[in-house]
């Protein structure tokens, strides 16, 4: 005949097993959510970058030409780091002008 203490130990072990499984499930769900969030963020970034190619008027360029332009531009900027601020200003001016043009339509 099992003792009350043995019964209590058995119930506690069973409860611990259930809690452990619940924790594993919660951890799995959190990991899946983090992975889905990362995929969404990556997709958003790619869409945003594609939009910038369109905004620059380069949507009709061949992908290899775009990559070549970016690589050559990065080489030039690496040789003259102050050029980045000039490129940024030029890009901001262009994006602001586009936004203003859309606002008037």
Protein backbone atom coordinates (compact mmCIF):
# COMPACT_ATOMS: atom_id res chain seq x y z
CA UNK A 1 0.00 0.00 0.00
CA UNK A 2 1.60 3.26 -1.17
CA UNK A 3 2.08 5.92 1.39
CA UNK A 4 0.59 9.40 1.23
CA UNK A 5 4.08 10.75 0.69
CA UNK A 6 4.64 8.40 -2.29
CA UNK A 7 1.28 9.49 -3.76
CA UNK A 8 2.22 13.13 -3.29
CA UNK A 9 5.57 12.55 -4.98
CA UNK A 10 3.87 10.81 -7.91
CA UNK A 11 1.35 13.65 -8.31
CA UNK A 12 4.12 16.24 -8.10
CA UNK A 13 6.16 14.38 -10.74
CA UNK A 14 3.13 14.22 -13.02
CA UNK A 15 2.49 17.93 -12.50
CA UNK A 16 6.16 18.71 -13.18
CA UNK A 17 6.01 16.69 -16.40
CA UNK A 18 2.92 18.63 -17.54
CA UNK A 19 4.52 21.96 -16.66
CA UNK A 20 7.73 20.99 -18.45
CA UNK A 21 5.75 20.11 -21.58
CA UNK A 22 3.85 23.40 -21.37
CA UNK A 23 7.16 25.26 -21.09
CA UNK A 24 8.57 23.43 -24.10
CA UNK A 25 5.45 24.29 -26.11
CA UNK A 26 5.66 27.95 -25.06
CA UNK A 27 9.35 28.05 -26.00
CA UNK A 28 8.61 26.45 -29.39
CA UNK A 29 5.84 28.96 -30.06
CA UNK A 30 8.08 31.87 -29.07
CA UNK A 31 10.83 30.60 -31.38
CA UNK A 32 8.34 30.20 -34.26
CA UNK A 33 7.01 33.72 -33.65
CA UNK A 34 10.53 35.16 -33.61
CA UNK A 35 11.32 33.34 -36.85
CA UNK A 36 8.10 34.60 -38.50
CA UNK A 37 8.83 38.15 -37.28
CA UNK A 38 12.33 37.96 -38.74
CA UNK A 39 10.94 36.70 -42.09
CA UNK A 40 8.41 39.53 -42.15
CA UNK A 41 11.08 42.13 -41.36
CA UNK A 42 13.33 40.70 -44.09
CA UNK A 43 10.49 40.77 -46.63
CA UNK A 44 9.63 44.34 -45.66
CA UNK A 45 13.25 45.42 -46.10
CA UNK A 46 13.44 43.81 -49.54
CA UNK A 47 10.19 45.46 -50.62
CA UNK A 48 11.47 48.79 -49.34
CA UNK A 49 14.74 48.39 -51.26
CA UNK A 50 12.81 47.49 -54.41
CA UNK A 51 10.71 50.62 -53.94
CA UNK A 52 13.87 52.69 -53.75
CA UNK A 53 15.07 51.25 -57.06
CA UNK A 54 11.73 52.30 -58.57
CA UNK A 55 11.93 55.73 -56.91
CA UNK A 56 15.36 56.24 -58.46
CA UNK A 57 13.91 55.49 -61.89
CA UNK A 58 15.97 52.35 -62.30
CA UNK A 59 13.22 49.73 -62.42
CA UNK A 60 13.93 48.99 -66.08
CA UNK A 61 17.61 48.31 -65.51
CA UNK A 62 18.89 44.77 -65.67
CA UNK A 63 19.59 43.31 -62.19
CA UNK A 64 23.28 42.84 -63.07
CA UNK A 65 23.49 46.51 -64.07
CA UNK A 66 21.95 47.54 -60.75
CA UNK A 67 24.40 45.42 -58.80
CA UNK A 68 27.28 46.80 -60.88
CA UNK A 69 26.12 50.36 -60.21
CA UNK A 70 25.92 49.68 -56.48
CA UNK A 71 29.31 47.99 -56.38
CA UNK A 72 31.04 50.74 -58.35
CA UNK A 73 29.29 53.39 -56.27
CA UNK A 74 30.38 51.67 -53.06
CA UNK A 75 33.98 51.58 -54.36
CA UNK A 76 33.90 55.31 -55.10
CA UNK A 77 32.39 56.14 -51.70
CA UNK A 78 35.01 53.99 -49.97
CA UNK A 79 37.66 56.19 -51.59
CA UNK A 80 35.87 59.41 -50.52
CA UNK A 81 33.78 58.72 -47.40
CA UNK A 82 32.49 62.32 -47.31
CA UNK A 83 30.62 61.51 -50.52
CA UNK A 84 28.09 59.52 -48.49
CA UNK A 85 26.65 62.64 -46.94
CA UNK A 86 26.34 64.20 -50.41
CA UNK A 87 24.61 61.08 -51.71
CA UNK A 88 22.29 61.09 -48.70
CA UNK A 89 21.34 64.74 -49.30
CA UNK A 90 20.72 64.04 -52.98
CA UNK A 91 18.56 61.02 -52.12
CA UNK A 92 16.58 62.90 -49.48
CA UNK A 93 15.96 65.77 -51.91
CA UNK A 94 14.74 63.33 -54.56
CA UNK A 95 12.45 61.43 -52.16
CA UNK A 96 11.03 64.70 -50.76
CA UNK A 97 10.36 65.99 -54.28
CA UNK A 98 8.56 62.74 -55.14
CA UNK A 99 6.48 62.97 -51.98
CA UNK A 100 5.59 66.59 -52.74
CA UNK A 101 4.64 65.70 -56.32
CA UNK A 102 2.38 62.91 -55.09
CA UNK A 103 0.78 65.24 -52.55
CA UNK A 104 -0.22 67.67 -55.31
CA UNK A 105 -1.90 64.98 -57.38
